[in-house]
């Protein structure tokens, strides 16, 4: 049981590492709208083709995206169904922070010293 939990945790951490780069998040957001080629990304992001290709390779190796060939063009698309759900979560804006604890749950004493009003 423990090894299964550890593997799930490692997989989650690895996913966060993969999508933890701003350009990769933007690439995934663009792929939510449909299939895109490298040239589409380089025009949209105003970055070099090798840079975009490097990030696409990382996303593909992780199994989040894949591509098909159309002549000489590589056309990329989303594969893993977690991507749209994850992107939606990242776009979520919350009205307020979680409430601070009134006291220590163990000792039942103490008081939160911070200011959570900002």
C-alpha atoms as a PDB file:
ATOM      1  CA  UNK A   1       0.000   0.000   0.000  1.00  0.00           C
ATOM      2  CA  UNK A   2       2.732   2.453   0.962  1.00  0.00           C
ATOM      3  CA  UNK A   3       4.587   2.051  -2.344  1.00  0.00           C
ATOM      4  CA  UNK A   4       1.378   2.838  -4.260  1.00  0.00           C
ATOM      5  CA  UNK A   5       0.841   6.012  -2.221  1.00  0.00           C
ATOM      6  CA  UNK A   6       4.482   6.996  -2.708  1.00  0.00           C
ATOM      7  CA  UNK A   7       4.187   6.453  -6.479  1.00  0.00           C
ATOM      8  CA  UNK A   8       1.042   8.580  -6.671  1.00  0.00           C
ATOM      9  CA  UNK A   9       2.784  11.320  -4.691  1.00  0.00           C
ATOM     10  CA  UNK A  10       5.851  11.141  -6.956  1.00  0.00           C
ATOM     11  CA  UNK A  11       3.614  11.292 -10.048  1.00  0.00           C
ATOM     12  CA  UNK A  12       1.808  14.374  -8.699  1.00  0.00           C
ATOM     13  CA  UNK A  13       5.072  16.090  -7.849  1.00  0.00           C
ATOM     14  CA  UNK A  14       6.456  15.286 -11.293  1.00  0.00           C
ATOM     15  CA  UNK A  15       3.314  16.702 -12.931  1.00  0.00           C
ATOM     16  CA  UNK A  16       3.712  19.922 -10.938  1.00  0.00           C
ATOM     17  CA  UNK A  17       7.360  20.172 -12.004  1.00  0.00           C
ATOM     18  CA  UNK A  18       6.397  19.724 -15.641  1.00  0.00           C
ATOM     19  CA  UNK A  19       3.659  22.369 -15.644  1.00  0.00           C
ATOM     20  CA  UNK A  20       5.671  24.602 -13.303  1.00  0.00           C
ATOM     21  CA  UNK A  21       7.117  26.615 -16.191  1.00  0.00           C
ATOM     22  CA  UNK A  22       5.144  29.629 -17.482  1.00  0.00           C
ATOM     23  CA  UNK A  23       5.720  28.817 -21.156  1.00  0.00           C
ATOM     24  CA  UNK A  24       4.527  25.228 -20.683  1.00  0.00           C
ATOM     25  CA  UNK A  25       1.338  26.444 -19.014  1.00  0.00           C
ATOM     26  CA  UNK A  26       0.774  28.830 -21.921  1.00  0.00           C
ATOM     27  CA  UNK A  27       1.408  26.030 -24.443  1.00  0.00           C
ATOM     28  CA  UNK A  28      -1.125  23.806 -22.684  1.00  0.00           C
ATOM     29  CA  UNK A  29      -3.648  26.670 -22.604  1.00  0.00           C
ATOM     30  CA  UNK A  30      -3.218  27.161 -26.350  1.00  0.00           C
ATOM     31  CA  UNK A  31      -3.725  23.444 -26.947  1.00  0.00           C
ATOM     32  CA  UNK A  32      -7.026  23.622 -25.047  1.00  0.00           C
ATOM     33  CA  UNK A  33      -8.308  25.526 -28.086  1.00  0.00           C
ATOM     34  CA  UNK A  34      -7.221  22.772 -30.465  1.00  0.00           C
ATOM     35  CA  UNK A  35      -4.310  21.450 -32.487  1.00  0.00           C
ATOM     36  CA  UNK A  36      -1.330  23.774 -32.925  1.00  0.00           C
ATOM     37  CA  UNK A  37       1.939  23.585 -34.870  1.00  0.00           C
ATOM     38  CA  UNK A  38       5.306  24.881 -33.653  1.00  0.00           C
ATOM     39  CA  UNK A  39       4.997  27.929 -35.911  1.00  0.00           C
ATOM     40  CA  UNK A  40       1.675  28.803 -34.235  1.00  0.00           C
ATOM     41  CA  UNK A  41       3.415  28.840 -30.861  1.00  0.00           C
ATOM     42  CA  UNK A  42       6.436  30.852 -31.992  1.00  0.00           C
ATOM     43  CA  UNK A  43       4.170  33.542 -33.459  1.00  0.00           C
ATOM     44  CA  UNK A  44       1.939  33.686 -30.394  1.00  0.00           C
ATOM     45  CA  UNK A  45       4.696  33.636 -27.748  1.00  0.00           C
ATOM     46  CA  UNK A  46       7.306  35.667 -29.663  1.00  0.00           C
ATOM     47  CA  UNK A  47      10.021  33.186 -28.756  1.00  0.00           C
ATOM     48  CA  UNK A  48      12.395  31.031 -30.747  1.00  0.00           C
ATOM     49  CA  UNK A  49      11.362  27.788 -32.405  1.00  0.00           C
ATOM     50  CA  UNK A  50      14.085  25.792 -30.574  1.00  0.00           C
ATOM     51  CA  UNK A  51      12.811  27.106 -27.212  1.00  0.00           C
ATOM     52  CA  UNK A  52       9.212  26.137 -28.001  1.00  0.00           C
ATOM     53  CA  UNK A  53      10.321  22.750 -29.356  1.00  0.00           C
ATOM     54  CA  UNK A  54      12.256  22.036 -26.157  1.00  0.00           C
ATOM     55  CA  UNK A  55       9.168  22.675 -24.010  1.00  0.00           C
ATOM     56  CA  UNK A  56       6.943  20.677 -26.376  1.00  0.00           C
ATOM     57  CA  UNK A  57       9.361  17.740 -26.080  1.00  0.00           C
ATOM     58  CA  UNK A  58       9.154  17.854 -22.274  1.00  0.00           C
ATOM     59  CA  UNK A  59       5.346  17.942 -22.378  1.00  0.00           C
ATOM     60  CA  UNK A  60       5.276  15.095 -24.894  1.00  0.00           C
ATOM     61  CA  UNK A  61       7.732  12.937 -22.943  1.00  0.00           C
ATOM     62  CA  UNK A  62       5.529  13.362 -19.877  1.00  0.00           C
ATOM     63  CA  UNK A  63       2.479  12.111 -21.806  1.00  0.00           C
ATOM     64  CA  UNK A  64       0.496  15.331 -21.499  1.00  0.00           C
ATOM     65  CA  UNK A  65       0.556  16.033 -25.247  1.00  0.00           C
ATOM     66  CA  UNK A  66       1.363  14.245 -28.498  1.00  0.00           C
ATOM     67  CA  UNK A  67       1.625  15.155 -32.190  1.00  0.00           C
ATOM     68  CA  UNK A  68       0.899  13.911 -35.663  1.00  0.00           C
ATOM     69  CA  UNK A  69       2.750  14.763 -38.864  1.00  0.00           C
ATOM     70  CA  UNK A  70       1.102  16.840 -41.584  1.00  0.00           C
ATOM     71  CA  UNK A  71       3.715  16.897 -44.309  1.00  0.00           C
ATOM     72  CA  UNK A  72       6.718  18.427 -42.576  1.00  0.00           C
ATOM     73  CA  UNK A  73       4.665  20.020 -39.789  1.00  0.00           C
ATOM     74  CA  UNK A  74       4.284  18.544 -36.343  1.00  0.00           C
ATOM     75  CA  UNK A  75       0.764  19.259 -35.116  1.00  0.00           C
ATOM     76  CA  UNK A  76       0.428  19.028 -31.321  1.00  0.00           C
ATOM     77  CA  UNK A  77      -2.661  18.183 -29.278  1.00  0.00           C
ATOM     78  CA  UNK A  78      -3.616  17.399 -25.669  1.00  0.00           C
ATOM     79  CA  UNK A  79      -3.661  13.746 -24.578  1.00  0.00           C
ATOM     80  CA  UNK A  80      -3.961  13.599 -20.795  1.00  0.00           C
ATOM     81  CA  UNK A  81      -7.478  14.496 -19.577  1.00  0.00           C
ATOM     82  CA  UNK A  82      -6.035  16.046 -16.402  1.00  0.00           C
ATOM     83  CA  UNK A  83      -4.704  19.041 -18.372  1.00  0.00           C
ATOM     84  CA  UNK A  84      -7.971  20.995 -18.884  1.00  0.00           C
ATOM     85  CA  UNK A  85      -8.980  20.299 -15.285  1.00  0.00           C
ATOM     86  CA  UNK A  86      -5.591  21.427 -13.971  1.00  0.00           C
ATOM     87  CA  UNK A  87      -5.637  24.585 -16.089  1.00  0.00           C
ATOM     88  CA  UNK A  88      -9.143  25.409 -14.851  1.00  0.00           C
ATOM     89  CA  UNK A  89      -7.923  25.050 -11.272  1.00  0.00           C
ATOM     90  CA  UNK A  90      -4.961  27.352 -11.987  1.00  0.00           C
ATOM     91  CA  UNK A  91      -7.341  29.990 -13.380  1.00  0.00           C
ATOM     92  CA  UNK A  92      -9.587  29.889 -10.308  1.00  0.00           C
ATOM     93  CA  UNK A  93      -9.628  33.067  -8.243  1.00  0.00           C
ATOM     94  CA  UNK A  94     -10.824  32.902  -4.661  1.00  0.00           C
ATOM     95  CA  UNK A  95     -12.613  35.725  -2.881  1.00  0.00           C
ATOM     96  CA  UNK A  96     -10.712  35.302   0.362  1.00  0.00           C
ATOM     97  CA  UNK A  97      -8.028  33.312   2.180  1.00  0.00           C
ATOM     98  CA  UNK A  98      -8.809  30.357   4.392  1.00  0.00           C
ATOM     99  CA  UNK A  99      -9.619  31.271   7.962  1.00  0.00           C
ATOM    100  CA  UNK A 100      -6.710  31.192  10.418  1.00  0.00           C
ATOM    101  CA  UNK A 101      -6.979  28.721  13.300  1.00  0.00           C
ATOM    102  CA  UNK A 102      -8.188  30.131  16.612  1.00  0.00           C
ATOM    103  CA  UNK A 103      -5.541  28.201  18.547  1.00  0.00           C
ATOM    104  CA  UNK A 104      -3.179  25.247  18.387  1.00  0.00           C
ATOM    105  CA  UNK A 105      -5.180  22.063  17.722  1.00  0.00           C
ATOM    106  CA  UNK A 106      -2.858  20.044  19.990  1.00  0.00           C
ATOM    107  CA  UNK A 107      -2.463  22.242  23.063  1.00  0.00           C
ATOM    108  CA  UNK A 108      -5.723  24.192  22.607  1.00  0.00           C
ATOM    109  CA  UNK A 109      -3.792  27.336  23.537  1.00  0.00           C
ATOM    110  CA  UNK A 110      -1.971  30.061  21.708  1.00  0.00           C
ATOM    111  CA  UNK A 111      -3.164  32.589  19.214  1.00  0.00           C
ATOM    112  CA  UNK A 112      -2.354  33.216  15.556  1.00  0.00           C
ATOM    113  CA  UNK A 113       0.233  36.050  15.567  1.00  0.00           C
ATOM    114  CA  UNK A 114      -0.181  37.136  11.957  1.00  0.00           C
ATOM    115  CA  UNK A 115      -2.404  39.643  10.259  1.00  0.00           C
ATOM    116  CA  UNK A 116      -4.642  37.872   7.743  1.00  0.00           C
ATOM    117  CA  UNK A 117      -6.530  41.045   6.809  1.00  0.00           C
ATOM    118  CA  UNK A 118      -4.590  41.646   3.558  1.00  0.00           C
END
